[in-house]
C-alpha atoms as a PDB file:
ATOM      1  CA  UNK A   1     -26.933  34.981 -52.931  1.00  0.00           C
ATOM      2  CA  UNK A   2     -28.182  38.376 -51.978  1.00  0.00           C
ATOM      3  CA  UNK A   3     -25.852  41.375 -51.526  1.00  0.00           C
ATOM      4  CA  UNK A   4     -26.506  41.283 -47.758  1.00  0.00           C
ATOM      5  CA  UNK A   5     -25.456  37.606 -47.528  1.00  0.00           C
ATOM      6  CA  UNK A   6     -22.317  38.258 -49.604  1.00  0.00           C
ATOM      7  CA  UNK A   7     -21.395  41.118 -47.268  1.00  0.00           C
ATOM      8  CA  UNK A   8     -21.870  38.946 -44.132  1.00  0.00           C
ATOM      9  CA  UNK A   9     -19.739  36.136 -45.625  1.00  0.00           C
ATOM     10  CA  UNK A  10     -16.952  38.548 -46.559  1.00  0.00           C
ATOM     11  CA  UNK A  11     -16.996  39.952 -43.019  1.00  0.00           C
ATOM     12  CA  UNK A  12     -16.644  36.463 -41.459  1.00  0.00           C
ATOM     13  CA  UNK A  13     -13.729  35.587 -43.772  1.00  0.00           C
ATOM     14  CA  UNK A  14     -11.992  38.852 -42.874  1.00  0.00           C
ATOM     15  CA  UNK A  15     -12.399  38.291 -39.119  1.00  0.00           C
ATOM     16  CA  UNK A  16     -11.025  34.733 -39.455  1.00  0.00           C
ATOM     17  CA  UNK A  17      -7.951  35.883 -41.388  1.00  0.00           C
ATOM     18  CA  UNK A  18      -7.232  38.642 -38.885  1.00  0.00           C
ATOM     19  CA  UNK A  19      -7.511  36.243 -35.945  1.00  0.00           C
ATOM     20  CA  UNK A  20      -5.188  33.724 -37.604  1.00  0.00           C
ATOM     21  CA  UNK A  21      -2.634  36.457 -38.249  1.00  0.00           C
ATOM     22  CA  UNK A  22      -2.712  37.570 -34.617  1.00  0.00           C
ATOM     23  CA  UNK A  23      -2.040  33.993 -33.411  1.00  0.00           C
ATOM     24  CA  UNK A  24       0.933  33.665 -35.769  1.00  0.00           C
ATOM     25  CA  UNK A  25       2.449  36.909 -34.484  1.00  0.00           C
ATOM     26  CA  UNK A  26       1.753  36.321 -30.772  1.00  0.00           C
ATOM     27  CA  UNK A  27       3.038  32.741 -30.594  1.00  0.00           C
ATOM     28  CA  UNK A  28       6.634  31.613 -31.058  1.00  0.00           C
ATOM     29  CA  UNK A  29       7.408  29.704 -34.255  1.00  0.00           C
ATOM     30  CA  UNK A  30       8.257  26.527 -32.330  1.00  0.00           C
ATOM     31  CA  UNK A  31       5.005  26.495 -30.337  1.00  0.00           C
ATOM     32  CA  UNK A  32       2.743  23.476 -30.569  1.00  0.00           C
ATOM     33  CA  UNK A  33       0.075  23.603 -33.328  1.00  0.00           C
ATOM     34  CA  UNK A  34      -3.199  25.070 -32.096  1.00  0.00           C
ATOM     35  CA  UNK A  35      -1.506  26.444 -28.993  1.00  0.00           C
ATOM     36  CA  UNK A  36      -1.943  23.175 -27.026  1.00  0.00           C
ATOM     37  CA  UNK A  37       1.018  21.518 -25.305  1.00  0.00           C
ATOM     38  CA  UNK A  38       0.399  18.041 -23.922  1.00  0.00           C
ATOM     39  CA  UNK A  39       3.578  17.849 -21.817  1.00  0.00           C
ATOM     40  CA  UNK A  40       5.343  20.591 -19.926  1.00  0.00           C
ATOM     41  CA  UNK A  41       9.034  21.039 -20.575  1.00  0.00           C
ATOM     42  CA  UNK A  42      11.248  19.430 -17.942  1.00  0.00           C
ATOM     43  CA  UNK A  43      14.905  19.466 -17.134  1.00  0.00           C
ATOM     44  CA  UNK A  44      16.928  16.614 -18.635  1.00  0.00           C
ATOM     45  CA  UNK A  45      17.756  13.799 -16.211  1.00  0.00           C
ATOM     46  CA  UNK A  46      21.427  13.227 -15.432  1.00  0.00           C
ATOM     47  CA  UNK A  47      21.540   9.443 -15.756  1.00  0.00           C
ATOM     48  CA  UNK A  48      25.105   9.200 -14.448  1.00  0.00           C
ATOM     49  CA  UNK A  49      24.194  11.062 -11.252  1.00  0.00           C
ATOM     50  CA  UNK A  50      21.069   8.933 -10.820  1.00  0.00           C
ATOM     51  CA  UNK A  51      23.046   5.692 -11.247  1.00  0.00           C
ATOM     52  CA  UNK A  52      25.718   6.857  -8.784  1.00  0.00           C
ATOM     53  CA  UNK A  53      23.071   7.772  -6.186  1.00  0.00           C
ATOM     54  CA  UNK A  54      21.310   4.418  -6.595  1.00  0.00           C
ATOM     55  CA  UNK A  55      24.580   2.525  -6.227  1.00  0.00           C
ATOM     56  CA  UNK A  56      25.495   4.496  -3.086  1.00  0.00           C
ATOM     57  CA  UNK A  57      22.128   4.010  -1.388  1.00  0.00           C
ATOM     58  CA  UNK A  58      22.201   0.261  -2.104  1.00  0.00           C
ATOM     59  CA  UNK A  59      25.720  -0.259  -0.704  1.00  0.00           C
ATOM     60  CA  UNK A  60      25.813  -2.304   2.509  1.00  0.00           C
ATOM     61  CA  UNK A  61      27.365  -0.750   5.613  1.00  0.00           C
ATOM     62  CA  UNK A  62      30.879  -1.883   6.412  1.00  0.00           C
ATOM     63  CA  UNK A  63      31.789  -3.179   9.856  1.00  0.00           C
ATOM     64  CA  UNK A  64      32.124  -0.221  12.214  1.00  0.00           C
ATOM     65  CA  UNK A  65      30.911   2.277   9.593  1.00  0.00           C
ATOM     66  CA  UNK A  66      28.849   5.152  10.990  1.00  0.00           C
ATOM     67  CA  UNK A  67      26.563   7.616   9.240  1.00  0.00           C
ATOM     68  CA  UNK A  68      26.344  11.181  10.554  1.00  0.00           C
ATOM     69  CA  UNK A  69      22.617  11.940  10.694  1.00  0.00           C
ATOM     70  CA  UNK A  70      23.393  15.654  11.062  1.00  0.00           C
ATOM     71  CA  UNK A  71      25.096  15.990   7.672  1.00  0.00           C
ATOM     72  CA  UNK A  72      24.341  12.931   5.517  1.00  0.00           C
ATOM     73  CA  UNK A  73      21.760  13.187   2.689  1.00  0.00           C
ATOM     74  CA  UNK A  74      18.621  11.074   2.943  1.00  0.00           C
ATOM     75  CA  UNK A  75      19.866   8.422   0.498  1.00  0.00           C
ATOM     76  CA  UNK A  76      22.945   7.888   2.677  1.00  0.00           C
ATOM     77  CA  UNK A  77      20.825   7.691   5.856  1.00  0.00           C
ATOM     78  CA  UNK A  78      18.615   5.145   4.070  1.00  0.00           C
ATOM     79  CA  UNK A  79      21.561   2.711   4.159  1.00  0.00           C
ATOM     80  CA  UNK A  80      21.026   2.213   7.901  1.00  0.00           C
ATOM     81  CA  UNK A  81      19.586  -1.229   8.781  1.00  0.00           C
ATOM     82  CA  UNK A  82      15.813  -1.606   8.356  1.00  0.00           C
ATOM     83  CA  UNK A  83      15.359   2.098   7.563  1.00  0.00           C
ATOM     84  CA  UNK A  84      14.502   2.770   3.906  1.00  0.00           C
ATOM     85  CA  UNK A  85      14.026   6.013   1.911  1.00  0.00           C
ATOM     86  CA  UNK A  86      10.704   7.110   3.457  1.00  0.00           C
ATOM     87  CA  UNK A  87      11.925   6.979   7.051  1.00  0.00           C
ATOM     88  CA  UNK A  88      15.269   8.491   6.006  1.00  0.00           C
ATOM     89  CA  UNK A  89      13.395  11.493   4.556  1.00  0.00           C
ATOM     90  CA  UNK A  90      11.411  11.801   7.795  1.00  0.00           C
ATOM     91  CA  UNK A  91      14.687  11.927   9.754  1.00  0.00           C
ATOM     92  CA  UNK A  92      16.033  14.647   7.441  1.00  0.00           C
ATOM     93  CA  UNK A  93      12.815  16.674   7.851  1.00  0.00           C
ATOM     94  CA  UNK A  94      13.055  16.390  11.646  1.00  0.00           C
ATOM     95  CA  UNK A  95      16.730  17.338  11.499  1.00  0.00           C
ATOM     96  CA  UNK A  96      15.985  20.431   9.414  1.00  0.00           C
ATOM     97  CA  UNK A  97      13.050  21.462  11.612  1.00  0.00           C
ATOM     98  CA  UNK A  98      15.050  21.189  14.855  1.00  0.00           C
ATOM     99  CA  UNK A  99      18.392  22.391  13.519  1.00  0.00           C
ATOM    100  CA  UNK A 100      19.960  18.959  14.018  1.00  0.00           C
ATOM    101  CA  UNK A 101      19.764  15.815  16.153  1.00  0.00           C
ATOM    102  CA  UNK A 102      21.708  15.535  19.402  1.00  0.00           C
ATOM    103  CA  UNK A 103      21.083  11.998  20.650  1.00  0.00           C
ATOM    104  CA  UNK A 104      19.393   8.639  20.158  1.00  0.00           C
ATOM    105  CA  UNK A 105      16.534   9.904  22.312  1.00  0.00           C
ATOM    106  CA  UNK A 106      15.839  12.699  19.819  1.00  0.00           C
ATOM    107  CA  UNK A 107      16.145  10.244  16.941  1.00  0.00           C
ATOM    108  CA  UNK A 108      13.532   8.089  18.670  1.00  0.00           C
ATOM    109  CA  UNK A 109      11.149  11.067  18.564  1.00  0.00           C
ATOM    110  CA  UNK A 110      10.983  10.824  14.746  1.00  0.00           C
ATOM    111  CA  UNK A 111       7.667   9.159  13.783  1.00  0.00           C
ATOM    112  CA  UNK A 112       8.286   5.556  12.780  1.00  0.00           C
ATOM    113  CA  UNK A 113      11.454   5.065  14.849  1.00  0.00           C
ATOM    114  CA  UNK A 114      10.911   2.811  17.859  1.00  0.00           C
ATOM    115  CA  UNK A 115      13.108   0.975  20.403  1.00  0.00           C
ATOM    116  CA  UNK A 116      13.622  -2.106  18.198  1.00  0.00           C
ATOM    117  CA  UNK A 117      14.690  -0.089  15.149  1.00  0.00           C
ATOM    118  CA  UNK A 118      16.785   2.211  17.322  1.00  0.00           C
ATOM    119  CA  UNK A 119      18.671  -0.773  18.758  1.00  0.00           C
ATOM    120  CA  UNK A 120      19.400  -2.000  15.205  1.00  0.00           C
ATOM    121  CA  UNK A 121      20.768   1.301  13.881  1.00  0.00           C
ATOM    122  CA  UNK A 122      22.491   2.608  17.042  1.00  0.00           C
ATOM    123  CA  UNK A 123      25.906   1.005  16.283  1.00  0.00           C
ATOM    124  CA  UNK A 124      25.970   2.773  12.900  1.00  0.00           C
ATOM    125  CA  UNK A 125      24.682   6.242  13.885  1.00  0.00           C
ATOM    126  CA  UNK A 126      26.807   9.290  14.579  1.00  0.00           C
ATOM    127  CA  UNK A 127      25.873  12.834  15.704  1.00  0.00           C
ATOM    128  CA  UNK A 128      28.418  15.197  14.199  1.00  0.00           C
ATOM    129  CA  UNK A 129      29.031  18.802  15.283  1.00  0.00           C
ATOM    130  CA  UNK A 130      26.520  18.834  18.130  1.00  0.00           C
ATOM    131  CA  UNK A 131      27.944  22.160  19.324  1.00  0.00           C
ATOM    132  CA  UNK A 132      26.729  23.755  16.084  1.00  0.00           C
ATOM    133  CA  UNK A 133      23.282  22.253  16.655  1.00  0.00           C
ATOM    134  CA  UNK A 134      23.134  23.660  20.197  1.00  0.00           C
ATOM    135  CA  UNK A 135      24.206  27.108  19.003  1.00  0.00           C
ATOM    136  CA  UNK A 136      21.597  27.065  16.237  1.00  0.00           C
ATOM    137  CA  UNK A 137      18.852  26.115  18.686  1.00  0.00           C
ATOM    138  CA  UNK A 138      19.955  28.750  21.164  1.00  0.00           C
ATOM    139  CA  UNK A 139      19.838  31.395  18.426  1.00  0.00           C
ATOM    140  CA  UNK A 140      16.373  30.229  17.362  1.00  0.00           C
ATOM    141  CA  UNK A 141      14.976  30.166  20.882  1.00  0.00           C
ATOM    142  CA  UNK A 142      16.637  33.420  21.881  1.00  0.00           C
ATOM    143  CA  UNK A 143      18.254  31.788  24.888  1.00  0.00           C
ATOM    144  CA  UNK A 144      21.058  29.354  25.689  1.00  0.00           C
ATOM    145  CA  UNK A 145      19.952  25.869  26.513  1.00  0.00           C
ATOM    146  CA  UNK A 146      21.679  24.255  29.475  1.00  0.00           C
ATOM    147  CA  UNK A 147      23.378  20.961  28.766  1.00  0.00           C
ATOM    148  CA  UNK A 148      23.677  20.104  32.468  1.00  0.00           C
ATOM    149  CA  UNK A 149      21.267  17.266  33.449  1.00  0.00           C
ATOM    150  CA  UNK A 150      18.492  18.166  35.839  1.00  0.00           C
ATOM    151  CA  UNK A 151      19.389  17.497  39.457  1.00  0.00           C
ATOM    152  CA  UNK A 152      17.994  14.159  40.648  1.00  0.00           C
ATOM    153  CA  UNK A 153      15.110  14.327  43.120  1.00  0.00           C
ATOM    154  CA  UNK A 154      16.849  12.015  45.582  1.00  0.00           C
ATOM    155  CA  UNK A 155      20.431  10.937  46.327  1.00  0.00           C
ATOM    156  CA  UNK A 156      21.686   7.758  44.734  1.00  0.00           C
ATOM    157  CA  UNK A 157      21.860   4.583  46.779  1.00  0.00           C
ATOM    158  CA  UNK A 158      25.389   3.487  47.526  1.00  0.00           C
ATOM    159  CA  UNK A 159      26.613   0.487  45.546  1.00  0.00           C
ATOM    160  CA  UNK A 160      26.606  -2.904  47.223  1.00  0.00           C
ATOM    161  CA  UNK A 161      29.303  -5.496  46.491  1.00  0.00           C
ATOM    162  CA  UNK A 162      28.458  -7.709  43.522  1.00  0.00           C
ATOM    163  CA  UNK A 163      26.580 -10.887  44.363  1.00  0.00           C
ATOM    164  CA  UNK A 164      25.313  -9.681  47.750  1.00  0.00           C
ATOM    165  CA  UNK A 165      21.868  -8.644  48.962  1.00  0.00           C
ATOM    166  CA  UNK A 166      21.107  -5.442  50.841  1.00  0.00           C
ATOM    167  CA  UNK A 167      18.617  -5.393  53.686  1.00  0.00           C
ATOM    168  CA  UNK A 168      16.047  -2.583  53.700  1.00  0.00           C
ATOM    169  CA  UNK A 169      15.016  -0.814  56.906  1.00  0.00           C
ATOM    170  CA  UNK A 170      11.819  -2.869  56.921  1.00  0.00           C
ATOM    171  CA  UNK A 171      13.811  -6.081  57.042  1.00  0.00           C
ATOM    172  CA  UNK A 172      12.837  -7.105  53.489  1.00  0.00           C
ATOM    173  CA  UNK A 173      15.502  -8.324  51.114  1.00  0.00           C
ATOM    174  CA  UNK A 174      16.010  -6.312  47.928  1.00  0.00           C
ATOM    175  CA  UNK A 175      17.713  -7.403  44.714  1.00  0.00           C
ATOM    176  CA  UNK A 176      21.486  -6.838  44.454  1.00  0.00           C
ATOM    177  CA  UNK A 177      22.511  -3.690  42.553  1.00  0.00           C
ATOM    178  CA  UNK A 178      23.265  -3.994  38.817  1.00  0.00           C
ATOM    179  CA  UNK A 179      26.301  -2.137  37.548  1.00  0.00           C
ATOM    180  CA  UNK A 180      24.837  -0.085  34.702  1.00  0.00           C
ATOM    181  CA  UNK A 181      28.020   0.320  32.655  1.00  0.00           C
ATOM    182  CA  UNK A 182      28.950  -3.371  32.631  1.00  0.00           C
ATOM    183  CA  UNK A 183      25.560  -5.115  32.836  1.00  0.00           C
ATOM    184  CA  UNK A 184      24.634  -7.626  30.133  1.00  0.00           C
ATOM    185  CA  UNK A 185      21.227  -7.881  28.502  1.00  0.00           C
ATOM    186  CA  UNK A 186      20.391 -10.741  30.885  1.00  0.00           C
ATOM    187  CA  UNK A 187      21.302  -8.575  33.907  1.00  0.00           C
ATOM    188  CA  UNK A 188      19.127  -5.702  32.676  1.00  0.00           C
ATOM    189  CA  UNK A 189      16.121  -7.887  31.878  1.00  0.00           C
ATOM    190  CA  UNK A 190      16.072  -8.945  35.531  1.00  0.00           C
ATOM    191  CA  UNK A 191      15.351  -5.358  36.617  1.00  0.00           C
ATOM    192  CA  UNK A 192      11.741  -4.315  37.340  1.00  0.00           C
ATOM    193  CA  UNK A 193      10.018  -2.842  34.297  1.00  0.00           C
ATOM    194  CA  UNK A 194      12.875  -3.734  31.932  1.00  0.00           C
ATOM    195  CA  UNK A 195      12.092  -6.307  29.273  1.00  0.00           C
ATOM    196  CA  UNK A 196      14.217  -7.490  26.342  1.00  0.00           C
ATOM    197  CA  UNK A 197      13.319  -4.460  24.179  1.00  0.00           C
ATOM    198  CA  UNK A 198      14.252  -1.862  26.816  1.00  0.00           C
ATOM    199  CA  UNK A 199      17.387  -3.818  27.729  1.00  0.00           C
ATOM    200  CA  UNK A 200      18.518  -3.707  24.090  1.00  0.00           C
ATOM    201  CA  UNK A 201      17.774   0.032  23.974  1.00  0.00           C
ATOM    202  CA  UNK A 202      19.942   0.619  27.082  1.00  0.00           C
ATOM    203  CA  UNK A 203      22.827  -1.364  25.589  1.00  0.00           C
ATOM    204  CA  UNK A 204      22.472   0.464  22.270  1.00  0.00           C
ATOM    205  CA  UNK A 205      22.548   3.868  23.995  1.00  0.00           C
ATOM    206  CA  UNK A 206      25.604   2.844  26.051  1.00  0.00           C
ATOM    207  CA  UNK A 207      27.419   1.640  22.943  1.00  0.00           C
ATOM    208  CA  UNK A 208      26.625   4.800  20.995  1.00  0.00           C
ATOM    209  CA  UNK A 209      27.162   7.426  23.739  1.00  0.00           C
ATOM    210  CA  UNK A 210      29.676   5.794  26.044  1.00  0.00           C
ATOM    211  CA  UNK A 211      29.320   4.903  29.750  1.00  0.00           C
ATOM    212  CA  UNK A 212      26.492   6.395  31.786  1.00  0.00           C
ATOM    213  CA  UNK A 213      27.588   9.326  33.942  1.00  0.00           C
ATOM    214  CA  UNK A 214      24.722   8.810  36.385  1.00  0.00           C
ATOM    215  CA  UNK A 215      21.627   6.696  36.843  1.00  0.00           C
ATOM    216  CA  UNK A 216      19.526   9.649  35.705  1.00  0.00           C
ATOM    217  CA  UNK A 217      21.054   9.418  32.225  1.00  0.00           C
ATOM    218  CA  UNK A 218      18.656   6.507  31.759  1.00  0.00           C
ATOM    219  CA  UNK A 219      15.972   9.134  31.068  1.00  0.00           C
ATOM    220  CA  UNK A 220      17.750   9.758  27.742  1.00  0.00           C
ATOM    221  CA  UNK A 221      17.199   6.154  26.645  1.00  0.00           C
ATOM    222  CA  UNK A 222      14.137   5.827  24.372  1.00  0.00           C
ATOM    223  CA  UNK A 223      11.262   4.109  26.160  1.00  0.00           C
ATOM    224  CA  UNK A 224      12.401   4.897  29.715  1.00  0.00           C
ATOM    225  CA  UNK A 225      10.413   7.583  31.519  1.00  0.00           C
ATOM    226  CA  UNK A 226      11.250   9.440  34.707  1.00  0.00           C
ATOM    227  CA  UNK A 227       8.898   7.322  36.821  1.00  0.00           C
ATOM    228  CA  UNK A 228      10.583   4.090  35.742  1.00  0.00           C
ATOM    229  CA  UNK A 229      14.068   5.569  36.246  1.00  0.00           C
ATOM    230  CA  UNK A 230      13.122   6.537  39.823  1.00  0.00           C
ATOM    231  CA  UNK A 231      12.139   2.913  40.445  1.00  0.00           C
ATOM    232  CA  UNK A 232      15.466   1.744  39.044  1.00  0.00           C
ATOM    233  CA  UNK A 233      17.551   4.238  41.060  1.00  0.00           C
ATOM    234  CA  UNK A 234      17.877   1.828  43.976  1.00  0.00           C
ATOM    235  CA  UNK A 235      18.503  -1.168  41.724  1.00  0.00           C
ATOM    236  CA  UNK A 236      21.404   0.066  39.578  1.00  0.00           C
ATOM    237  CA  UNK A 237      24.692   1.779  40.277  1.00  0.00           C
ATOM    238  CA  UNK A 238      27.226   3.741  38.232  1.00  0.00           C
ATOM    239  CA  UNK A 239      30.775   3.247  39.573  1.00  0.00           C
END
């Protein structure tokens, strides 16, 4: 080996030793060999908390039990009939985005919630502290939202005695009025534009929110638009 080759070899050995020393100083003693970590460090899982959460979310609802969708965590909301974790998380996201949920109509606006599901969960849903929700929305919007329903475009038709028929000015017979706060599903299905699904939604809203204050409250029922409610104004009455 020539002197030049011996010099080059000694230089390579020196550079390698220096580099190895720098790695030992720069890295912590408990670091993975070679500076490669296959798995990132993660927080330990609290198995007791996980088991308690699983047991709570799998517990069936008791008779008359209600879940406050404005304060309950998603795993508690997931206990509602036919809901599940994914839709429960969607409800929580909507609640957080809007500052809360005020009614079944707003719950129906959550993607994935329709009239059939709404009718199933309505007896078990509660809307706690709605005044706080209204204040939060007013602060966000920079104005106070009115809670007074919009004035109806036309006066309500006076109620006719049950079991009788009213005669229109044209001489045609019209169906007897249905009392909205005491009507059964069968009574509601007989109304124009109201099928079994919408009838169940009306009953669910009435059970959850109490008696209707006016015919125009029907606009708050999921699946009923203003045009349909105008058609029903002469067919239903609120004592």
